All heavy atoms as atom14 arrays in JSON, in Angstrom:
{
  "sequence": "GKDGSSQVENIQPFSAKDLSIRSLGDRIRDLG",
  "atom14_mask": [
    [1, 1, 1, 1, 0, 0, 0, 0, 0, 0, 0, 0, 0, 0],
    [1, 1, 1, 1, 1, 1, 1, 1, 1, 0, 0, 0, 0, 0],
    [1, 1, 1, 1, 1, 1, 1, 1, 0, 0, 0, 0, 0, 0],
    [1, 1, 1, 1, 0, 0, 0, 0, 0, 0, 0, 0, 0, 0],
    [1, 1, 1, 1, 1, 1, 0, 0, 0, 0, 0, 0, 0, 0],
    [1, 1, 1, 1, 1, 1, 0, 0, 0, 0, 0, 0, 0, 0],
    [1, 1, 1, 1, 1, 1, 1, 1, 1, 0, 0, 0, 0, 0],
    [1, 1, 1, 1, 1, 1, 1, 0, 0, 0, 0, 0, 0, 0],
    [1, 1, 1, 1, 1, 1, 1, 1, 1, 0, 0, 0, 0, 0],
    [1, 1, 1, 1, 1, 1, 1, 1, 0, 0, 0, 0, 0, 0],
    [1, 1, 1, 1, 1, 1, 1, 1, 0, 0, 0, 0, 0, 0],
    [1, 1, 1, 1, 1, 1, 1, 1, 1, 0, 0, 0, 0, 0],
    [1, 1, 1, 1, 1, 1, 1, 0, 0, 0, 0, 0, 0, 0],
    [1, 1, 1, 1, 1, 1, 1, 1, 1, 1, 1, 0, 0, 0],
    [1, 1, 1, 1, 1, 1, 0, 0, 0, 0, 0, 0, 0, 0],
    [1, 1, 1, 1, 1, 0, 0, 0, 0, 0, 0, 0, 0, 0],
    [1, 1, 1, 1, 1, 1, 1, 1, 1, 0, 0, 0, 0, 0],
    [1, 1, 1, 1, 1, 1, 1, 1, 0, 0, 0, 0, 0, 0],
    [1, 1, 1, 1, 1, 1, 1, 1, 0, 0, 0, 0, 0, 0],
    [1, 1, 1, 1, 1, 1, 0, 0, 0, 0, 0, 0, 0, 0],
    [1, 1, 1, 1, 1, 1, 1, 1, 0, 0, 0, 0, 0, 0],
    [1, 1, 1, 1, 1, 1, 1, 1, 1, 1, 1, 0, 0, 0],
    [1, 1, 1, 1, 1, 1, 0, 0, 0, 0, 0, 0, 0, 0],
    [1, 1, 1, 1, 1, 1, 1, 1, 0, 0, 0, 0, 0, 0],
    [1, 1, 1, 1, 0, 0, 0, 0, 0, 0, 0, 0, 0, 0],
    [1, 1, 1, 1, 1, 1, 1, 1, 0, 0, 0, 0, 0, 0],
    [1, 1, 1, 1, 1, 1, 1, 1, 1, 1, 1, 0, 0, 0],
    [1, 1, 1, 1, 1, 1, 1, 1, 0, 0, 0, 0, 0, 0],
    [1, 1, 1, 1, 1, 1, 1, 1, 1, 1, 1, 0, 0, 0],
    [1, 1, 1, 1, 1, 1, 1, 1, 0, 0, 0, 0, 0, 0],
    [1, 1, 1, 1, 1, 1, 1, 1, 0, 0, 0, 0, 0, 0],
    [1, 1, 1, 1, 0, 0, 0, 0, 0, 0, 0, 0, 0, 0]
  ],
  "atom14_positions": [
    [[0.81, -1.21, 0.0], [0.0, 0.0, 0.0], [0.85, 1.26, 0.0], [2.07, 1.23, 0.21], [0.0, 0.0, 0.0], [0.0, 0.0, 0.0], [0.0, 0.0, 0.0], [0.0, 0.0, 0.0], [0.0, 0.0, 0.0], [0.0, 0.0, 0.0], [0.0, 0.0, 0.0], [0.0, 0.0, 0.0], [0.0, 0.0, 0.0], [0.0, 0.0, 0.0]],
    [[0.21, 2.4, -0.22], [0.92, 3.68, -0.24], [1.54, 4.0, 1.11], [2.52, 4.74, 1.2], [-0.04, 4.8, -0.66], [-0.46, 4.7, -2.13], [-1.42, 5.81, -2.5], [-1.85, 5.68, -3.96], [-2.84, 6.72, -4.35], [0.0, 0.0, 0.0], [0.0, 0.0, 0.0], [0.0, 0.0, 0.0], [0.0, 0.0, 0.0], [0.0, 0.0, 0.0]],
    [[0.94, 3.43, 2.17], [1.48, 3.68, 3.52], [2.62, 2.72, 3.86], [3.14, 2.73, 4.98], [0.36, 3.55, 4.56], [-0.26, 2.16, 4.57], [0.09, 1.35, 3.69], [-1.09, 1.9, 5.46], [0.0, 0.0, 0.0], [0.0, 0.0, 0.0], [0.0, 0.0, 0.0], [0.0, 0.0, 0.0], [0.0, 0.0, 0.0], [0.0, 0.0, 0.0]],
    [[3.0, 1.89, 2.89], [4.12, 0.98, 3.13], [3.71, -0.39, 3.65], [4.53, -1.3, 3.75], [0.0, 0.0, 0.0], [0.0, 0.0, 0.0], [0.0, 0.0, 0.0], [0.0, 0.0, 0.0], [0.0, 0.0, 0.0], [0.0, 0.0, 0.0], [0.0, 0.0, 0.0], [0.0, 0.0, 0.0], [0.0, 0.0, 0.0], [0.0, 0.0, 0.0]],
    [[2.42, -0.53, 3.99], [1.95, -1.82, 4.51], [1.92, -2.86, 3.38], [1.77, -2.51, 2.21], [0.55, -1.68, 5.1], [-0.36, -1.29, 4.08], [0.0, 0.0, 0.0], [0.0, 0.0, 0.0], [0.0, 0.0, 0.0], [0.0, 0.0, 0.0], [0.0, 0.0, 0.0], [0.0, 0.0, 0.0], [0.0, 0.0, 0.0], [0.0, 0.0, 0.0]],
    [[2.1, -4.12, 3.73], [2.12, -5.17, 2.7], [1.07, -6.23, 2.98], [0.72, -6.5, 4.13], [3.5, -5.82, 2.63], [3.77, -6.54, 3.83], [0.0, 0.0, 0.0], [0.0, 0.0, 0.0], [0.0, 0.0, 0.0], [0.0, 0.0, 0.0], [0.0, 0.0, 0.0], [0.0, 0.0, 0.0], [0.0, 0.0, 0.0], [0.0, 0.0, 0.0]],
    [[0.59, -6.82, 1.91], [-0.39, -7.9, 2.01], [-0.03, -8.95, 0.97], [0.26, -8.61, -0.18], [-1.79, -7.34, 1.74], [-2.89, -8.38, 1.81], [-4.25, -7.76, 1.47], [-4.42, -6.54, 1.47], [-5.22, -8.61, 1.18], [0.0, 0.0, 0.0], [0.0, 0.0, 0.0], [0.0, 0.0, 0.0], [0.0, 0.0, 0.0], [0.0, 0.0, 0.0]],
    [[0.02, -10.21, 1.38], [0.36, -11.29, 0.44], [-0.92, -12.0, 0.03], [-1.69, -12.45, 0.86], [1.35, -12.29, 1.07], [1.6, -13.47, 0.12], [2.66, -11.6, 1.42], [0.0, 0.0, 0.0], [0.0, 0.0, 0.0], [0.0, 0.0, 0.0], [0.0, 0.0, 0.0], [0.0, 0.0, 0.0], [0.0, 0.0, 0.0], [0.0, 0.0, 0.0]],
    [[-1.15, -12.06, -1.28], [-2.34, -12.7, -1.8], [-1.97, -13.95, -2.59], [-0.93, -13.99, -3.26], [-3.12, -11.74, -2.71], [-3.84, -10.63, -1.95], [-5.0, -10.05, -2.75], [-5.17, -10.43, -3.92], [-5.73, -9.21, -2.17], [0.0, 0.0, 0.0], [0.0, 0.0, 0.0], [0.0, 0.0, 0.0], [0.0, 0.0, 0.0], [0.0, 0.0, 0.0]],
    [[-2.82, -14.97, -2.5], [-2.63, -16.21, -3.26], [-3.73, -16.32, -4.31], [-4.92, -16.32, -3.98], [-2.69, -17.42, -2.33], [-1.45, -17.54, -1.47], [-0.47, -18.17, -1.87], [-1.46, -16.93, -0.3], [0.0, 0.0, 0.0], [0.0, 0.0, 0.0], [0.0, 0.0, 0.0], [0.0, 0.0, 0.0], [0.0, 0.0, 0.0], [0.0, 0.0, 0.0]],
    [[-3.32, -16.39, -5.56], [-4.29, -16.5, -6.65], [-4.86, -17.92, -6.66], [-4.16, -18.88, -6.33], [-3.6, -16.18, -8.0], [-3.19, -14.68, -8.01], [-4.49, -16.49, -9.18], [-2.31, -14.28, -9.17], [0.0, 0.0, 0.0], [0.0, 0.0, 0.0], [0.0, 0.0, 0.0], [0.0, 0.0, 0.0], [0.0, 0.0, 0.0], [0.0, 0.0, 0.0]],
    [[-6.13, -18.04, -7.0], [-6.8, -19.35, -7.08], [-5.92, -20.34, -7.84], [-5.42, -20.03, -8.93], [-8.15, -19.19, -7.79], [-8.94, -20.47, -7.96], [-9.55, -20.97, -6.66], [-9.71, -20.23, -5.71], [-9.85, -22.26, -6.63], [0.0, 0.0, 0.0], [0.0, 0.0, 0.0], [0.0, 0.0, 0.0], [0.0, 0.0, 0.0], [0.0, 0.0, 0.0]],
    [[-5.69, -21.54, -7.29], [-4.79, -22.51, -7.95], [-5.21, -22.86, -9.37], [-6.39, -22.94, -9.68], [-4.88, -23.74, -7.04], [-5.34, -23.23, -5.73], [-6.24, -22.07, -6.03], [0.0, 0.0, 0.0], [0.0, 0.0, 0.0], [0.0, 0.0, 0.0], [0.0, 0.0, 0.0], [0.0, 0.0, 0.0], [0.0, 0.0, 0.0], [0.0, 0.0, 0.0]],
    [[-4.2, -23.06, -10.22], [-4.44, -23.52, -11.59], [-4.25, -25.03, -11.64], [-3.27, -25.56, -11.13], [-3.45, -22.86, -12.56], [-3.51, -21.36, -12.58], [-2.4, -20.6, -12.26], [-4.69, -20.7, -12.93], [-2.44, -19.21, -12.28], [-4.75, -19.31, -12.96], [-3.62, -18.56, -12.63], [0.0, 0.0, 0.0], [0.0, 0.0, 0.0], [0.0, 0.0, 0.0]],
    [[-5.2, -25.72, -12.27], [-5.12, -27.18, -12.42], [-4.51, -27.51, -13.79], [-4.28, -26.62, -14.62], [-6.52, -27.78, -12.34], [-7.3, -27.34, -13.45], [0.0, 0.0, 0.0], [0.0, 0.0, 0.0], [0.0, 0.0, 0.0], [0.0, 0.0, 0.0], [0.0, 0.0, 0.0], [0.0, 0.0, 0.0], [0.0, 0.0, 0.0], [0.0, 0.0, 0.0]],
    [[-4.27, -28.78, -14.03], [-3.75, -29.21, -15.32], [-4.72, -28.81, -16.45], [-4.29, -28.42, -17.53], [-3.53, -30.71, -15.33], [0.0, 0.0, 0.0], [0.0, 0.0, 0.0], [0.0, 0.0, 0.0], [0.0, 0.0, 0.0], [0.0, 0.0, 0.0], [0.0, 0.0, 0.0], [0.0, 0.0, 0.0], [0.0, 0.0, 0.0], [0.0, 0.0, 0.0]],
    [[-6.01, -28.89, -16.16], [-7.01, -28.51, -17.17], [-6.89, -27.02, -17.49], [-6.92, -26.63, -18.67], [-8.42, -28.82, -16.64], [-9.52, -28.55, -17.65], [-10.89, -28.9, -17.09], [-11.99, -28.6, -18.1], [-13.34, -28.88, -17.56], [0.0, 0.0, 0.0], [0.0, 0.0, 0.0], [0.0, 0.0, 0.0], [0.0, 0.0, 0.0], [0.0, 0.0, 0.0]],
    [[-6.74, -26.19, -16.46], [-6.57, -24.74, -16.67], [-5.35, -24.47, -17.53], [-5.38, -23.65, -18.46], [-6.41, -24.01, -15.33], [-7.63, -24.12, -14.44], [-8.76, -24.15, -14.97], [-7.45, -24.18, -13.2], [0.0, 0.0, 0.0], [0.0, 0.0, 0.0], [0.0, 0.0, 0.0], [0.0, 0.0, 0.0], [0.0, 0.0, 0.0], [0.0, 0.0, 0.0]],
    [[-4.24, -25.14, -17.22], [-2.98, -24.86, -17.89], [-2.92, -25.45, -19.29], [-2.08, -25.05, -20.1], [-1.81, -25.38, -17.04], [-1.68, -24.7, -15.66], [-0.52, -25.31, -14.87], [-1.49, -23.19, -15.78], [0.0, 0.0, 0.0], [0.0, 0.0, 0.0], [0.0, 0.0, 0.0], [0.0, 0.0, 0.0], [0.0, 0.0, 0.0], [0.0, 0.0, 0.0]],
    [[-3.82, -26.39, -19.59], [-3.89, -26.92, -20.95], [-4.63, -25.93, -21.85], [-4.45, -25.92, -23.07], [-4.58, -28.29, -20.98], [-5.96, -28.15, -20.64], [0.0, 0.0, 0.0], [0.0, 0.0, 0.0], [0.0, 0.0, 0.0], [0.0, 0.0, 0.0], [0.0, 0.0, 0.0], [0.0, 0.0, 0.0], [0.0, 0.0, 0.0], [0.0, 0.0, 0.0]],
    [[-5.48, -25.1, -21.24], [-6.22, -24.08, -21.99], [-5.32, -22.87, -22.24], [-5.27, -22.32, -23.34], [-7.48, -23.65, -21.21], [-8.44, -24.84, -21.1], [-8.17, -22.47, -21.88], [-9.59, -24.62, -20.12], [0.0, 0.0, 0.0], [0.0, 0.0, 0.0], [0.0, 0.0, 0.0], [0.0, 0.0, 0.0], [0.0, 0.0, 0.0], [0.0, 0.0, 0.0]],
    [[-4.61, -22.45, -21.2], [-3.67, -21.32, -21.32], [-2.48, -21.61, -20.41], [-2.64, -21.91, -19.24], [-4.35, -20.01, -20.92], [-3.48, -18.79, -21.22], [-4.34, -17.54, -21.41], [-3.54, -16.38, -21.77], [-3.03, -16.17, -22.99], [-3.22, -17.07, -23.95], [-2.32, -15.09, -23.26], [0.0, 0.0, 0.0], [0.0, 0.0, 0.0], [0.0, 0.0, 0.0]],
    [[-1.29, -21.53, -20.98], [-0.09, -21.95, -20.26], [0.2, -21.05, -19.06], [-0.27, -19.91, -18.98], [1.11, -21.94, -21.2], [1.51, -20.59, -21.47], [0.0, 0.0, 0.0], [0.0, 0.0, 0.0], [0.0, 0.0, 0.0], [0.0, 0.0, 0.0], [0.0, 0.0, 0.0], [0.0, 0.0, 0.0], [0.0, 0.0, 0.0], [0.0, 0.0, 0.0]],
    [[0.99, -21.58, -18.15], [1.38, -20.82, -16.95], [2.12, -19.55, -17.34], [1.87, -18.47, -16.79], [2.25, -21.68, -16.04], [2.71, -21.02, -14.74], [1.53, -20.69, -13.83], [3.7, -21.92, -14.0], [0.0, 0.0, 0.0], [0.0, 0.0, 0.0], [0.0, 0.0, 0.0], [0.0, 0.0, 0.0], [0.0, 0.0, 0.0], [0.0, 0.0, 0.0]],
    [[3.03, -19.65, -18.29], [3.8, -18.47, -18.72], [2.89, -17.36, -19.22], [3.06, -16.19, -18.84], [0.0, 0.0, 0.0], [0.0, 0.0, 0.0], [0.0, 0.0, 0.0], [0.0, 0.0, 0.0], [0.0, 0.0, 0.0], [0.0, 0.0, 0.0], [0.0, 0.0, 0.0], [0.0, 0.0, 0.0], [0.0, 0.0, 0.0], [0.0, 0.0, 0.0]],
    [[1.92, -17.71, -20.05], [1.01, -16.7, -20.58], [0.1, -16.13, -19.5], [-0.24, -14.94, -19.53], [0.18, -17.29, -21.72], [1.0, -17.49, -22.99], [2.11, -16.94, -23.06], [0.55, -18.22, -23.88], [0.0, 0.0, 0.0], [0.0, 0.0, 0.0], [0.0, 0.0, 0.0], [0.0, 0.0, 0.0], [0.0, 0.0, 0.0], [0.0, 0.0, 0.0]],
    [[-0.29, -16.95, -18.55], [-1.11, -16.44, -17.45], [-0.32, -15.43, -16.62], [-0.86, -14.42, -16.17], [-1.61, -17.6, -16.58], [-2.67, -18.46, -17.26], [-3.11, -19.64, -16.41], [-4.04, -20.5, -17.11], [-5.35, -20.34, -17.17], [-5.92, -19.31, -16.55], [-6.13, -21.18, -17.83], [0.0, 0.0, 0.0], [0.0, 0.0, 0.0], [0.0, 0.0, 0.0]],
    [[0.94, -15.72, -16.39], [1.8, -14.79, -15.63], [1.98, -13.5, -16.41], [1.95, -12.4, -15.84], [3.16, -15.46, -15.32], [2.96, -16.55, -14.25], [4.2, -14.44, -14.86], [4.16, -17.41, -13.99], [0.0, 0.0, 0.0], [0.0, 0.0, 0.0], [0.0, 0.0, 0.0], [0.0, 0.0, 0.0], [0.0, 0.0, 0.0], [0.0, 0.0, 0.0]],
    [[2.16, -13.6, -17.73], [2.3, -12.4, -18.57], [1.03, -11.55, -18.51], [1.1, -10.32, -18.45], [2.59, -12.8, -20.02], [2.7, -11.61, -20.96], [3.1, -12.02, -22.36], [2.16, -12.97, -22.95], [2.31, -13.47, -24.17], [3.36, -13.12, -24.91], [1.43, -14.32, -24.66], [0.0, 0.0, 0.0], [0.0, 0.0, 0.0], [0.0, 0.0, 0.0]],
    [[-0.13, -12.22, -18.47], [-1.4, -11.5, -18.47], [-1.65, -10.71, -17.18], [-2.35, -9.71, -17.19], [-2.57, -12.48, -18.64], [-2.58, -13.13, -20.03], [-1.9, -12.6, -20.93], [-3.26, -14.15, -20.2], [0.0, 0.0, 0.0], [0.0, 0.0, 0.0], [0.0, 0.0, 0.0], [0.0, 0.0, 0.0], [0.0, 0.0, 0.0], [0.0, 0.0, 0.0]],
    [[-1.1, -11.21, -16.06], [-1.4, -10.61, -14.76], [-0.48, -9.42, -14.5], [0.69, -9.58, -14.13], [-1.25, -11.67, -13.65], [-2.27, -12.83, -13.72], [-1.86, -13.97, -12.81], [-3.66, -12.32, -13.34], [0.0, 0.0, 0.0], [0.0, 0.0, 0.0], [0.0, 0.0, 0.0], [0.0, 0.0, 0.0], [0.0, 0.0, 0.0], [0.0, 0.0, 0.0]],
    [[-1.03, -8.23, -14.69], [-0.23, -7.0, -14.58], [0.32, -6.74, -13.19], [1.32, -6.03, -13.03], [0.0, 0.0, 0.0], [0.0, 0.0, 0.0], [0.0, 0.0, 0.0], [0.0, 0.0, 0.0], [0.0, 0.0, 0.0], [0.0, 0.0, 0.0], [0.0, 0.0, 0.0], [0.0, 0.0, 0.0], [0.0, 0.0, 0.0], [0.0, 0.0, 0.0]]
  ]
}
């Protein structure tokens, strides 16, 4: 945050089915 505080978030897990639709590399590229 702007005040320097930090928060760690975990994105919903990707399964093999998810990654067969769109690769892990491309998903990481997509997430700004």
